[in-house]
C-alpha cells in the first residue's frame, strides 16, 4: 500500500471524488405509488398536482422528474404533511 503523500495525481483525484460522494446525504427517493399510499390519495392526483404546480404556487409535495419518472424525497413529503397539519390547526 502506498503512503498517501506518494499517490499519483489520478489516485488523489479518485480519493477526493470518493470522499465528496460519501459526504452527500443520498436517501432513497419515493415514487408516485409510495406517496399515493402514504397520503391516501390517487396517483392521478399527484400527477395533476405536479403538472399544475409552479414555483410560486406549489400543489402537493415537491416533486421532480428522474427521466420520465416522478420522484419525491421523504423530507419533502414530511414537510408537505407538516404544512397541512399546521394549516388545519
N, C-alpha and C. Protein backbone atom coordinates (compact mmCIF):
# COMPACT_ATOMS: atom_id res chain seq x y z
N UNK A 1 0.84 -1.18 0.00
CA UNK A 1 0.00 0.00 0.00
C UNK A 1 0.88 1.24 0.00
N UNK A 2 0.53 2.19 -0.83
CA UNK A 2 1.33 3.41 -0.92
C UNK A 2 0.97 4.36 0.21
N UNK A 3 1.95 5.12 0.59
CA UNK A 3 1.73 6.20 1.56
C UNK A 3 0.87 7.26 0.88
N UNK A 4 -0.11 7.87 1.59
CA UNK A 4 -1.00 8.85 0.96
C UNK A 4 -0.26 9.98 0.25
N UNK A 5 0.88 10.41 0.77
CA UNK A 5 1.58 11.53 0.14
C UNK A 5 2.31 11.09 -1.11
N UNK A 6 2.43 9.79 -1.35
CA UNK A 6 3.14 9.29 -2.53
C UNK A 6 2.19 8.88 -3.64
N UNK A 7 0.94 9.15 -3.51
CA UNK A 7 -0.03 8.80 -4.55
C UNK A 7 0.17 9.72 -5.75
N UNK A 8 -0.11 9.17 -6.92
CA UNK A 8 -0.05 9.98 -8.14
C UNK A 8 -1.26 10.88 -8.23
N UNK A 9 -1.27 11.82 -9.19
CA UNK A 9 -2.39 12.75 -9.34
C UNK A 9 -3.73 12.06 -9.56
N UNK A 10 -3.74 11.00 -10.36
CA UNK A 10 -5.02 10.33 -10.62
C UNK A 10 -5.54 9.64 -9.37
N UNK A 11 -4.66 9.13 -8.52
CA UNK A 11 -5.10 8.48 -7.29
C UNK A 11 -5.65 9.52 -6.31
N UNK A 12 -5.02 10.68 -6.24
CA UNK A 12 -5.53 11.73 -5.34
C UNK A 12 -6.92 12.18 -5.78
N UNK A 13 -7.11 12.30 -7.09
CA UNK A 13 -8.40 12.75 -7.60
C UNK A 13 -9.50 11.75 -7.25
N UNK A 14 -9.24 10.46 -7.40
CA UNK A 14 -10.27 9.46 -7.11
C UNK A 14 -10.59 9.42 -5.62
N UNK A 15 -9.60 9.67 -4.77
CA UNK A 15 -9.86 9.72 -3.33
C UNK A 15 -10.76 10.89 -3.01
N UNK A 16 -10.49 12.06 -3.60
CA UNK A 16 -11.34 13.24 -3.38
C UNK A 16 -12.75 13.00 -3.90
N UNK A 17 -12.88 12.39 -5.06
CA UNK A 17 -14.20 12.12 -5.62
C UNK A 17 -14.98 11.17 -4.71
N UNK A 18 -14.32 10.16 -4.18
CA UNK A 18 -14.97 9.22 -3.27
C UNK A 18 -15.39 9.92 -1.99
N UNK A 19 -14.54 10.77 -1.44
CA UNK A 19 -14.88 11.47 -0.21
C UNK A 19 -16.07 12.39 -0.42
N UNK A 20 -16.11 13.14 -1.53
CA UNK A 20 -17.23 14.05 -1.75
C UNK A 20 -18.52 13.27 -2.00
N UNK A 21 -18.45 12.13 -2.67
CA UNK A 21 -19.65 11.31 -2.88
C UNK A 21 -20.17 10.77 -1.56
N UNK A 22 -19.27 10.43 -0.65
CA UNK A 22 -19.69 9.93 0.66
C UNK A 22 -20.28 11.03 1.52
N UNK A 23 -19.94 12.29 1.26
CA UNK A 23 -20.47 13.41 2.02
C UNK A 23 -21.91 13.73 1.64
N UNK A 24 -22.37 13.32 0.48
CA UNK A 24 -23.73 13.59 0.05
C UNK A 24 -24.69 12.81 0.93
N UNK A 25 -25.81 13.44 1.21
CA UNK A 25 -26.84 12.77 2.01
C UNK A 25 -27.86 12.19 1.04
N UNK A 26 -27.52 11.06 0.43
CA UNK A 26 -28.41 10.44 -0.54
C UNK A 26 -29.34 9.48 0.18
N UNK A 27 -30.61 9.81 0.11
CA UNK A 27 -31.62 8.95 0.71
C UNK A 27 -32.48 8.38 -0.40
N UNK A 28 -33.14 7.28 -0.14
CA UNK A 28 -33.99 6.70 -1.18
C UNK A 28 -35.08 7.68 -1.61
N UNK A 29 -35.37 7.68 -2.89
CA UNK A 29 -36.45 8.51 -3.41
C UNK A 29 -37.74 7.70 -3.43
N UNK A 30 -38.84 8.40 -3.27
CA UNK A 30 -40.15 7.76 -3.29
C UNK A 30 -40.78 7.96 -4.66
N UNK A 31 -41.48 6.95 -5.12
CA UNK A 31 -42.22 7.05 -6.36
C UNK A 31 -43.65 7.46 -6.11
N UNK A 32 -44.38 7.64 -7.18
CA UNK A 32 -45.78 8.05 -7.09
C UNK A 32 -46.61 7.03 -6.30
N UNK A 33 -46.33 5.77 -6.53
CA UNK A 33 -47.09 4.71 -5.83
C UNK A 33 -46.93 4.82 -4.31
N UNK A 34 -45.69 5.00 -3.86
CA UNK A 34 -45.45 5.09 -2.41
C UNK A 34 -46.08 6.34 -1.80
N UNK A 35 -45.95 7.47 -2.48
CA UNK A 35 -46.52 8.72 -1.95
C UNK A 35 -48.04 8.64 -1.96
N UNK A 36 -48.59 8.03 -3.00
CA UNK A 36 -50.04 7.83 -3.07
C UNK A 36 -50.53 7.03 -1.87
N UNK A 37 -49.81 5.98 -1.53
CA UNK A 37 -50.19 5.15 -0.39
C UNK A 37 -50.00 5.90 0.93
N UNK A 38 -48.89 6.64 1.05
CA UNK A 38 -48.64 7.40 2.28
C UNK A 38 -49.72 8.43 2.55
N UNK A 39 -50.14 9.14 1.49
CA UNK A 39 -51.11 10.22 1.67
C UNK A 39 -52.55 9.73 1.54
N UNK A 40 -52.73 8.53 1.02
CA UNK A 40 -54.08 8.01 0.84
C UNK A 40 -54.84 8.72 -0.26
N UNK A 41 -54.15 9.08 -1.32
CA UNK A 41 -54.79 9.78 -2.45
C UNK A 41 -54.45 9.04 -3.74
N UNK A 42 -55.26 9.24 -4.78
CA UNK A 42 -54.97 8.57 -6.06
C UNK A 42 -53.67 9.06 -6.71
N UNK A 43 -53.03 8.18 -7.45
CA UNK A 43 -51.81 8.56 -8.17
C UNK A 43 -52.10 9.68 -9.16
N UNK A 44 -53.27 9.66 -9.78
CA UNK A 44 -53.64 10.69 -10.76
C UNK A 44 -53.62 12.09 -10.12
N UNK A 45 -53.97 12.16 -8.85
CA UNK A 45 -53.94 13.45 -8.15
C UNK A 45 -52.52 13.97 -8.05
N UNK A 46 -51.58 13.11 -7.73
CA UNK A 46 -50.17 13.53 -7.65
C UNK A 46 -49.66 14.02 -8.99
N UNK A 47 -49.99 13.31 -10.06
CA UNK A 47 -49.57 13.75 -11.40
C UNK A 47 -50.21 15.09 -11.76
N UNK A 48 -51.49 15.26 -11.42
CA UNK A 48 -52.18 16.52 -11.71
C UNK A 48 -51.56 17.67 -10.92
N UNK A 49 -51.30 17.44 -9.63
CA UNK A 49 -50.68 18.48 -8.81
C UNK A 49 -49.34 18.90 -9.40
N UNK A 50 -48.56 17.91 -9.82
CA UNK A 50 -47.24 18.24 -10.37
C UNK A 50 -47.38 19.05 -11.66
N UNK A 51 -48.33 18.68 -12.52
CA UNK A 51 -48.47 19.40 -13.79
C UNK A 51 -49.03 20.81 -13.60
N UNK A 52 -49.80 21.03 -12.55
CA UNK A 52 -50.38 22.36 -12.30
C UNK A 52 -49.53 23.24 -11.39
N UNK A 53 -48.52 22.68 -10.74
CA UNK A 53 -47.68 23.44 -9.82
C UNK A 53 -46.75 24.39 -10.57
N UNK A 54 -46.50 25.52 -9.93
CA UNK A 54 -45.48 26.45 -10.40
C UNK A 54 -44.58 26.76 -9.22
N UNK A 55 -43.52 27.49 -9.47
CA UNK A 55 -42.61 27.85 -8.38
C UNK A 55 -43.32 28.70 -7.33
N UNK A 56 -44.26 29.52 -7.77
CA UNK A 56 -44.98 30.41 -6.83
C UNK A 56 -46.19 29.77 -6.19
N UNK A 57 -46.78 28.78 -6.85
CA UNK A 57 -47.97 28.12 -6.30
C UNK A 57 -47.82 26.61 -6.38
N UNK A 58 -47.09 26.04 -5.43
CA UNK A 58 -46.94 24.58 -5.44
C UNK A 58 -48.22 23.90 -4.97
N UNK A 59 -48.52 22.78 -5.58
CA UNK A 59 -49.64 21.94 -5.15
C UNK A 59 -49.05 20.59 -4.75
N UNK A 60 -49.40 20.12 -3.59
CA UNK A 60 -48.89 18.83 -3.14
C UNK A 60 -47.43 18.91 -2.73
N UNK A 61 -46.85 17.76 -2.41
CA UNK A 61 -45.43 17.74 -2.04
C UNK A 61 -44.55 18.05 -3.25
N UNK A 62 -43.40 18.64 -3.00
CA UNK A 62 -42.47 18.97 -4.08
C UNK A 62 -42.01 17.68 -4.76
N UNK A 63 -42.04 17.68 -6.08
CA UNK A 63 -41.66 16.50 -6.86
C UNK A 63 -40.73 16.94 -7.99
N UNK A 64 -40.02 15.98 -8.53
CA UNK A 64 -39.14 16.27 -9.66
C UNK A 64 -39.04 15.03 -10.53
N UNK A 65 -38.62 15.24 -11.75
CA UNK A 65 -38.51 14.15 -12.70
C UNK A 65 -37.11 13.55 -12.70
N UNK A 66 -37.06 12.24 -12.71
CA UNK A 66 -35.83 11.50 -12.95
C UNK A 66 -36.13 10.71 -14.21
N UNK A 67 -35.65 11.22 -15.33
CA UNK A 67 -36.06 10.64 -16.61
C UNK A 67 -37.54 10.90 -16.80
N UNK A 68 -38.28 9.85 -17.02
CA UNK A 68 -39.73 10.02 -17.20
C UNK A 68 -40.51 9.77 -15.91
N UNK A 69 -39.81 9.50 -14.84
CA UNK A 69 -40.45 9.14 -13.58
C UNK A 69 -40.51 10.32 -12.62
N UNK A 70 -41.62 10.45 -11.93
CA UNK A 70 -41.81 11.47 -10.92
C UNK A 70 -41.30 10.93 -9.60
N UNK A 71 -40.45 11.70 -8.92
CA UNK A 71 -39.85 11.25 -7.66
C UNK A 71 -40.00 12.31 -6.58
N UNK A 72 -40.02 11.83 -5.34
CA UNK A 72 -40.17 12.67 -4.15
C UNK A 72 -39.10 12.29 -3.15
N UNK A 73 -38.64 13.25 -2.37
CA UNK A 73 -37.79 12.90 -1.24
C UNK A 73 -38.71 12.73 -0.03
N UNK A 74 -38.30 11.90 0.88
CA UNK A 74 -39.09 11.68 2.09
C UNK A 74 -39.23 12.98 2.87
N UNK A 75 -38.17 13.77 2.89
CA UNK A 75 -38.20 15.05 3.61
C UNK A 75 -39.26 15.99 3.01
N UNK A 76 -39.37 16.04 1.67
CA UNK A 76 -40.38 16.90 1.04
C UNK A 76 -41.80 16.43 1.36
N UNK A 77 -42.00 15.13 1.42
CA UNK A 77 -43.33 14.60 1.77
C UNK A 77 -43.64 14.93 3.23
N UNK A 78 -42.66 14.76 4.10
CA UNK A 78 -42.87 15.12 5.52
C UNK A 78 -43.17 16.60 5.68
N UNK A 79 -42.46 17.45 4.95
CA UNK A 79 -42.70 18.89 5.02
C UNK A 79 -44.11 19.22 4.56
N UNK A 80 -44.56 18.58 3.50
CA UNK A 80 -45.92 18.81 3.00
C UNK A 80 -46.95 18.40 4.05
N UNK A 81 -46.77 17.25 4.65
CA UNK A 81 -47.71 16.78 5.67
C UNK A 81 -47.72 17.75 6.87
N UNK A 82 -46.55 18.20 7.28
CA UNK A 82 -46.47 19.15 8.40
C UNK A 82 -47.16 20.46 8.06
N UNK A 83 -47.00 20.92 6.82
CA UNK A 83 -47.67 22.15 6.38
C UNK A 83 -49.18 21.99 6.46
N UNK A 84 -49.69 20.84 6.01
CA UNK A 84 -51.14 20.58 6.09
C UNK A 84 -51.60 20.54 7.54
N UNK A 85 -50.81 19.89 8.37
CA UNK A 85 -51.18 19.76 9.78
C UNK A 85 -51.25 21.13 10.47
N UNK A 86 -50.26 21.97 10.19
CA UNK A 86 -50.23 23.29 10.81
C UNK A 86 -51.32 24.22 10.26
N UNK A 87 -51.65 24.08 8.99
CA UNK A 87 -52.66 24.98 8.40
C UNK A 87 -54.07 24.60 8.85
N UNK A 88 -54.26 23.38 9.31
CA UNK A 88 -55.59 22.97 9.76
C UNK A 88 -55.81 23.28 11.24
N UNK A 89 -54.78 23.70 11.93
CA UNK A 89 -54.91 23.97 13.36
C UNK A 89 -55.46 25.34 13.64
